[in-house]
Amino acid sequence: MKVLITGATGFVGRYLADYFNSVGSYQLYGTTYNEPTPSEAALQKFTDLQGLDVRDKAAVHQLIESIAPDAIIHLAAQTHVPTSLSDPWGTHETNIRGTLNILETVRLCDFMQTRVLIISSAHVYGVVKPDDLPIREKQPFNPGDPYSVSKVAQDALGLQYFNTYGLNVVRVRPFNHTGPGQTTQFVIPNFAMQIAEIEAGLKPPELLVGNLEAERDFCDVRDVVRAYHLLTTQGQPGAVYNICSGKTYRLKNLVEQMITLSGRNIEIKIDPSRFRPLDAPMVYGDYGALHHDTGWQPEIPMEQTLVDVLNDCRARVQAVRSGA
């Protein structure tokens, strides 16, 4: 089975490639963009790994036509909400044009059996009323930032190409996910990196935070890529699936757990610059549809995820200090 992963060297893409290689014999093809030269270990994961700007229609067409993949998992995207607020058009161009180029290529090449996973986001749901929790796939869109608008468009494009042309599209809406190796642009590795730097004596024992009263649904990235793998062969064409834990975690509790894991006396300090213009008080989803069609359910407990993320950040700090 030939599988193409766009954004294959990103945070989720690396885990996805590892998982595919661990569970079967696949011909993995990957794309990367604006990343450092891949290591030999990274290259060995793939039959071929190429640089690609998904906004480039001709390049996307040439690559997909040459591979004729059985499945495409479209991860390449601008994924950071604050970046979308400062550069809305760049976010829309990457996420919407990139998705459209992939779907159009699959249509024009008549690859009707190619399973295309469109990675949308739970951000499309926006702020929801307490009566609408847990969030199910029928919840109306309520985007609150340029990133979520771009994901609404990706999601809608996937549905439109299924409805209009019969493409074998499956849409997924992952909720927050984290794990070792995630950039510190995101909340849990940001907290963990601050703690690792405090432990190393690189900064005073003060943890800068934003809104800690928010309650969010978190999954471990290693659980999320299992769902993506299942959906390359299972799930209903045209359907959409939430990927989530089905429970909430208060950010304040997660911070306190990580401080406890550190064993250091660390003061929590509110930094107003870390607050978002629009921040839902509580968000959590329902993964019943995904479980019904694939048997998937989350397996890695949050406690283990926090340990792994903190240890990864400690290793990153040590590598910088040693000049690695």
Protein backbone atom coordinates (compact mmCIF):
# COMPACT_ATOMS: atom_id res chain seq x y z
CA MET A 1 0.00 0.00 0.00
CA LYS A 2 1.39 3.39 -1.02
CA VAL A 3 0.72 6.18 1.47
CA LEU A 4 1.56 9.85 0.96
CA ILE A 5 1.90 12.02 4.07
CA THR A 6 2.07 15.76 3.46
CA GLY A 7 3.87 17.64 6.21
CA ALA A 8 5.64 14.39 7.03
CA THR A 9 8.48 15.95 9.00
CA GLY A 10 6.22 17.99 11.27
CA PHE A 11 5.29 17.04 14.82
CA VAL A 12 2.41 14.70 13.94
CA GLY A 13 3.94 13.54 10.65
CA ARG A 14 7.01 12.11 12.37
CA TYR A 15 4.87 10.05 14.74
CA LEU A 16 2.60 8.95 11.91
CA ALA A 17 5.50 7.70 9.79
CA ASP A 18 6.91 5.80 12.76
CA TYR A 19 3.54 4.21 13.46
CA PHE A 20 2.96 3.10 9.87
CA ASN A 21 6.41 1.53 9.78
CA SER A 22 5.76 -0.27 13.06
CA VAL A 23 2.49 -1.94 12.09
CA GLY A 24 2.89 -3.06 8.50
CA SER A 25 4.72 -3.03 5.20
CA TYR A 26 3.95 0.29 3.55
CA GLN A 27 5.55 2.34 0.84
CA LEU A 28 5.65 5.68 2.61
CA TYR A 29 6.05 8.89 0.66
CA GLY A 30 6.40 12.19 2.44
CA THR A 31 6.60 15.90 1.79
CA THR A 32 8.36 18.58 3.79
CA TYR A 33 8.46 22.36 3.56
CA ASN A 34 10.78 24.98 4.97
CA GLU A 35 12.37 22.45 7.30
CA PRO A 36 16.06 21.71 7.95
CA THR A 37 17.63 19.03 5.76
CA PRO A 38 16.14 15.73 6.97
CA SER A 39 18.46 13.42 8.85
CA GLU A 40 19.45 10.03 7.48
CA ALA A 41 17.18 8.43 10.10
CA ALA A 42 14.24 10.50 8.85
CA LEU A 43 14.94 9.64 5.22
CA GLN A 44 15.02 5.94 6.02
CA LYS A 45 11.36 6.06 7.09
CA PHE A 46 10.25 6.82 3.54
CA THR A 47 10.45 5.33 0.10
CA ASP A 48 10.80 8.97 -0.96
CA LEU A 49 10.75 12.28 0.90
CA GLN A 50 10.51 15.46 -1.15
CA GLY A 51 10.25 19.17 -0.54
CA LEU A 52 6.84 20.50 -1.56
CA ASP A 53 4.93 23.74 -1.23
CA VAL A 54 1.31 22.60 -1.20
CA ARG A 55 0.30 26.02 -2.54
CA ASP A 56 2.07 25.17 -5.82
CA LYS A 57 -0.63 23.54 -7.95
CA ALA A 58 1.70 22.19 -10.64
CA ALA A 59 4.14 20.70 -8.13
CA VAL A 60 1.33 19.04 -6.16
CA HIS A 61 -0.11 17.56 -9.36
CA GLN A 62 3.25 16.25 -10.56
CA LEU A 63 4.06 14.59 -7.25
CA ILE A 64 0.69 12.88 -6.68
CA GLU A 65 0.42 11.77 -10.29
CA SER A 66 3.90 10.19 -10.14
CA ILE A 67 3.17 8.30 -6.91
CA ALA A 68 -0.45 7.25 -7.55
CA PRO A 69 -0.95 6.71 -3.81
CA ASP A 70 -3.56 4.45 -2.26
CA ALA A 71 -3.97 6.95 0.58
CA ILE A 72 -3.10 10.58 1.21
CA ILE A 73 -2.96 11.97 4.74
CA HIS A 74 -2.92 15.74 4.39
CA LEU A 75 -1.13 17.13 7.45
CA ALA A 76 0.69 20.06 5.82
CA ALA A 77 -0.82 23.23 7.29
CA GLN A 78 -0.29 26.37 9.31
CA THR A 79 -1.51 25.15 12.70
CA HIS A 80 -0.76 27.92 15.20
CA VAL A 81 -3.73 30.10 16.21
CA PRO A 82 -1.72 33.21 17.27
CA THR A 83 0.17 33.08 13.96
CA SER A 84 -3.15 33.00 12.13
CA LEU A 85 -4.20 36.17 13.95
CA SER A 86 -1.04 37.99 12.84
CA ASP A 87 -1.01 36.50 9.33
CA PRO A 88 -4.56 35.51 8.37
CA TRP A 89 -3.99 35.46 4.63
CA GLY A 90 -0.86 33.30 4.91
CA THR A 91 -2.86 30.83 7.00
CA HIS A 92 -5.77 30.77 4.55
CA GLU A 93 -3.52 30.43 1.53
CA THR A 94 -1.57 27.50 2.94
CA ASN A 95 -4.50 25.62 4.44
CA ILE A 96 -7.20 26.28 1.84
CA ARG A 97 -5.20 26.45 -1.38
CA GLY A 98 -3.08 23.48 -0.31
CA THR A 99 -6.15 21.33 0.34
CA LEU A 100 -7.80 22.40 -2.90
CA ASN A 101 -4.66 21.55 -4.90
CA ILE A 102 -4.60 18.04 -3.45
CA LEU A 103 -8.29 17.35 -4.04
CA GLU A 104 -8.18 18.77 -7.58
CA THR A 105 -5.16 16.61 -8.43
CA VAL A 106 -6.87 13.46 -7.16
CA ARG A 107 -9.94 14.36 -9.24
CA LEU A 108 -8.03 15.20 -12.41
CA CYS A 109 -5.91 12.06 -12.15
CA ASP A 110 -9.09 10.02 -11.67
CA PHE A 111 -7.71 8.41 -8.50
CA MET A 112 -11.22 7.62 -7.32
CA GLN A 113 -10.12 4.84 -4.96
CA THR A 114 -7.43 6.89 -3.24
CA ARG A 115 -8.43 7.49 0.37
CA VAL A 116 -7.84 11.17 1.23
CA LEU A 117 -7.75 12.12 4.90
CA ILE A 118 -8.51 15.81 5.31
CA ILE A 119 -7.20 16.89 8.70
CA SER A 120 -9.64 19.52 9.90
CA SER A 121 -9.75 20.57 13.57
CA ALA A 122 -12.04 20.78 16.57
CA HIS A 123 -11.38 24.53 16.41
CA VAL A 124 -14.16 24.67 13.81
CA TYR A 125 -16.68 24.26 16.65
CA GLY A 126 -15.46 27.38 18.46
CA VAL A 127 -17.21 28.41 21.66
CA VAL A 128 -20.11 26.09 22.46
CA LYS A 129 -22.84 26.25 25.07
CA PRO A 130 -22.61 23.88 28.06
CA ASP A 131 -25.78 22.13 26.84
CA ASP A 132 -23.94 21.20 23.61
CA LEU A 133 -21.18 19.29 25.42
CA PRO A 134 -19.73 16.84 24.64
CA ILE A 135 -19.25 18.08 21.10
CA ARG A 136 -20.43 15.71 18.39
CA GLU A 137 -19.81 15.95 14.68
CA LYS A 138 -23.24 17.51 14.00
CA GLN A 139 -22.37 20.58 16.10
CA PRO A 140 -22.59 23.72 13.90
CA PHE A 141 -19.39 25.55 12.96
CA ASN A 142 -18.61 28.62 15.05
CA PRO A 143 -15.06 29.71 14.08
CA GLY A 144 -13.38 32.30 16.24
CA ASP A 145 -10.06 32.99 14.50
CA PRO A 146 -8.47 32.76 11.03
CA TYR A 147 -7.05 29.31 11.75
CA SER A 148 -10.48 27.85 12.52
CA VAL A 149 -11.95 29.57 9.45
CA SER A 150 -9.29 27.89 7.29
CA LYS A 151 -10.16 24.55 8.85
CA VAL A 152 -13.86 25.07 8.16
CA ALA A 153 -12.91 25.63 4.52
CA GLN A 154 -10.73 22.51 4.40
CA ASP A 155 -13.50 20.46 5.97
CA ALA A 156 -16.10 21.84 3.54
CA LEU A 157 -13.85 21.25 0.53
CA GLY A 158 -13.44 17.62 1.53
CA LEU A 159 -17.20 17.19 1.79
CA GLN A 160 -17.82 19.03 -1.48
CA TYR A 161 -15.38 16.83 -3.43
CA PHE A 162 -17.06 13.76 -2.00
CA ASN A 163 -20.54 15.06 -2.84
CA THR A 164 -19.70 16.44 -6.28
CA TYR A 165 -17.14 14.00 -7.63
CA GLY A 166 -17.41 10.93 -5.39
CA LEU A 167 -13.84 11.19 -4.13
CA ASN A 168 -12.93 8.79 -1.33
CA VAL A 169 -12.58 11.55 1.28
CA VAL A 170 -12.71 11.17 5.06
CA ARG A 171 -12.57 14.25 7.26
CA VAL A 172 -11.20 14.20 10.80
CA ARG A 173 -11.49 16.82 13.52
CA PRO A 174 -8.77 16.25 16.10
CA PHE A 175 -9.06 18.04 19.41
CA ASN A 176 -5.95 19.24 21.25
CA HIS A 177 -3.12 16.75 21.09
CA THR A 178 0.38 16.86 22.48
CA GLY A 179 3.43 14.73 23.13
CA PRO A 180 7.22 14.71 23.17
CA GLY A 181 8.77 16.84 20.42
CA GLN A 182 5.93 19.33 20.03
CA THR A 183 6.98 22.94 19.56
CA THR A 184 6.76 25.26 22.54
CA GLN A 185 4.26 27.39 20.63
CA PHE A 186 1.72 25.01 22.19
CA VAL A 187 0.61 25.15 25.79
CA ILE A 188 1.78 21.91 27.43
CA PRO A 189 5.31 21.83 25.95
CA ASN A 190 5.56 25.56 26.69
CA PHE A 191 4.91 24.93 30.38
CA ALA A 192 7.23 21.91 30.34
CA MET A 193 10.07 23.83 28.67
CA GLN A 194 9.80 26.64 31.23
CA ILE A 195 10.05 24.06 34.02
CA ALA A 196 13.03 22.35 32.36
CA GLU A 197 14.81 25.70 32.06
CA ILE A 198 14.08 26.48 35.73
CA GLU A 199 15.49 23.07 36.73
CA ALA A 200 18.63 23.81 34.71
CA GLY A 201 19.08 27.18 36.39
CA LEU A 202 18.49 29.08 33.16
CA LYS A 203 15.60 31.17 34.46
CA PRO A 204 14.10 32.15 37.82
CA PRO A 205 11.53 29.82 39.42
CA GLU A 206 8.54 31.58 37.89
CA LEU A 207 6.18 29.87 35.45
CA LEU A 208 4.48 32.36 33.12
CA VAL A 209 0.95 31.32 32.15
CA GLY A 210 -2.20 32.63 30.51
CA ASN A 211 -5.76 31.54 31.26
CA LEU A 212 -5.45 28.50 33.50
CA GLU A 213 -9.18 28.17 34.12
CA ALA A 214 -9.83 26.89 30.60
CA GLU A 215 -10.78 23.21 30.39
CA ARG A 216 -9.67 21.36 27.30
CA ASP A 217 -9.85 17.90 25.75
CA PHE A 218 -6.32 16.55 25.23
CA CYS A 219 -5.10 13.41 23.50
CA ASP A 220 -1.60 12.02 23.21
CA VAL A 221 -0.26 12.36 19.66
CA ARG A 222 0.56 8.64 19.70
CA ASP A 223 -3.14 7.89 20.11
CA VAL A 224 -4.06 10.37 17.38
CA VAL A 225 -1.81 8.76 14.75
CA ARG A 226 -3.38 5.37 15.51
CA ALA A 227 -6.70 6.90 14.52
CA TYR A 228 -5.26 8.30 11.29
CA HIS A 229 -3.84 4.89 10.43
CA LEU A 230 -7.19 3.17 11.03
CA LEU A 231 -9.00 5.72 8.90
CA THR A 232 -6.81 5.08 5.86
CA THR A 233 -8.65 1.78 5.43
CA GLN A 234 -11.71 2.07 7.70
CA GLY A 235 -14.37 4.68 8.19
CA GLN A 236 -17.04 5.75 5.74
CA PRO A 237 -16.23 7.84 2.65
CA GLY A 238 -17.71 11.31 3.10
CA ALA A 239 -17.94 10.89 6.88
CA VAL A 240 -16.33 13.07 9.54
CA TYR A 241 -14.84 11.89 12.83
CA ASN A 242 -13.85 13.59 16.05
CA ILE A 243 -10.56 12.45 17.58
CA CYS A 244 -10.56 13.26 21.27
CA SER A 245 -10.31 11.86 24.79
CA GLY A 246 -13.91 12.59 25.69
CA LYS A 247 -12.90 14.31 28.93
CA THR A 248 -11.68 17.71 30.09
CA TYR A 249 -8.46 18.77 31.74
CA ARG A 250 -8.23 22.09 33.55
CA LEU A 251 -4.99 23.79 32.54
CA LYS A 252 -4.33 24.81 36.13
CA ASN A 253 -4.37 21.15 37.19
CA LEU A 254 -1.98 20.17 34.40
CA VAL A 255 0.45 22.93 35.42
CA GLU A 256 0.32 21.84 39.04
CA GLN A 257 0.94 18.20 38.03
CA MET A 258 4.04 19.19 36.06
CA ILE A 259 5.36 21.28 38.95
CA THR A 260 4.83 18.29 41.23
CA LEU A 261 6.75 16.10 38.77
CA SER A 262 9.58 18.62 38.91
CA GLY A 263 9.73 18.69 42.69
CA ARG A 264 10.83 22.35 42.56
CA ASN A 265 9.28 25.31 44.35
CA ILE A 266 7.94 27.20 41.32
CA GLU A 267 5.68 30.23 41.44
CA ILE A 268 2.87 30.49 38.90
CA LYS A 269 2.62 34.01 37.44
CA ILE A 270 -0.14 35.29 35.15
CA ASP A 271 1.10 36.89 31.92
CA PRO A 272 -1.72 38.91 30.28
CA SER A 273 0.00 38.68 26.88
CA ARG A 274 -0.68 34.94 26.86
CA PHE A 275 -4.48 35.35 26.87
CA ARG A 276 -6.37 34.84 23.60
CA PRO A 277 -8.98 37.32 22.33
CA LEU A 278 -11.62 34.55 22.37
CA ASP A 279 -11.16 31.57 24.68
CA ALA A 280 -13.92 29.03 25.33
CA PRO A 281 -14.19 28.12 29.04
CA MET A 282 -14.75 24.41 28.38
CA VAL A 283 -14.32 22.20 25.32
CA TYR A 284 -14.50 18.43 25.07
CA GLY A 285 -15.69 16.03 22.44
CA ASP A 286 -17.34 12.71 21.77
CA TYR A 287 -15.43 10.08 19.79
CA GLY A 288 -18.34 7.65 19.53
CA ALA A 289 -18.50 7.70 15.72
CA LEU A 290 -14.80 6.90 15.40
CA HIS A 291 -15.06 4.11 17.95
CA HIS A 292 -18.13 2.66 16.23
CA ASP A 293 -16.48 2.48 12.80
CA THR A 294 -12.89 1.59 13.74
CA GLY A 295 -12.82 0.43 17.36
CA TRP A 296 -10.45 3.28 18.29
CA GLN A 297 -10.28 4.68 21.78
CA PRO A 298 -7.57 6.64 23.62
CA GLU A 299 -5.05 4.50 25.48
CA ILE A 300 -2.26 6.73 26.84
CA PRO A 301 -3.16 8.44 30.13
CA MET A 302 -2.49 12.16 30.50
CA GLU A 303 -0.18 11.46 33.44
CA GLN A 304 2.15 9.52 31.14
CA THR A 305 1.97 12.20 28.47
CA LEU A 306 3.02 14.89 30.95
CA VAL A 307 5.98 12.81 32.14
CA ASP A 308 7.10 12.18 28.56
CA VAL A 309 6.75 15.83 27.48
CA LEU A 310 8.65 17.09 30.53
CA ASN A 311 11.46 14.56 30.02
CA ASP A 312 11.66 15.54 26.34
CA CYS A 313 12.00 19.22 27.25
CA ARG A 314 14.68 18.37 29.79
CA ALA A 315 16.57 16.52 27.08
CA ARG A 316 16.24 19.47 24.70
CA VAL A 317 17.59 21.87 27.32
CA GLN A 318 20.50 19.54 28.06
CA ALA A 319 21.27 19.20 24.35
CA VAL A 320 21.46 22.98 23.95
CA ARG A 321 23.67 23.32 27.02
CA SER A 322 26.04 20.63 25.76
CA GLY A 323 26.17 22.15 22.28
CA ALA A 324 24.52 19.16 20.58
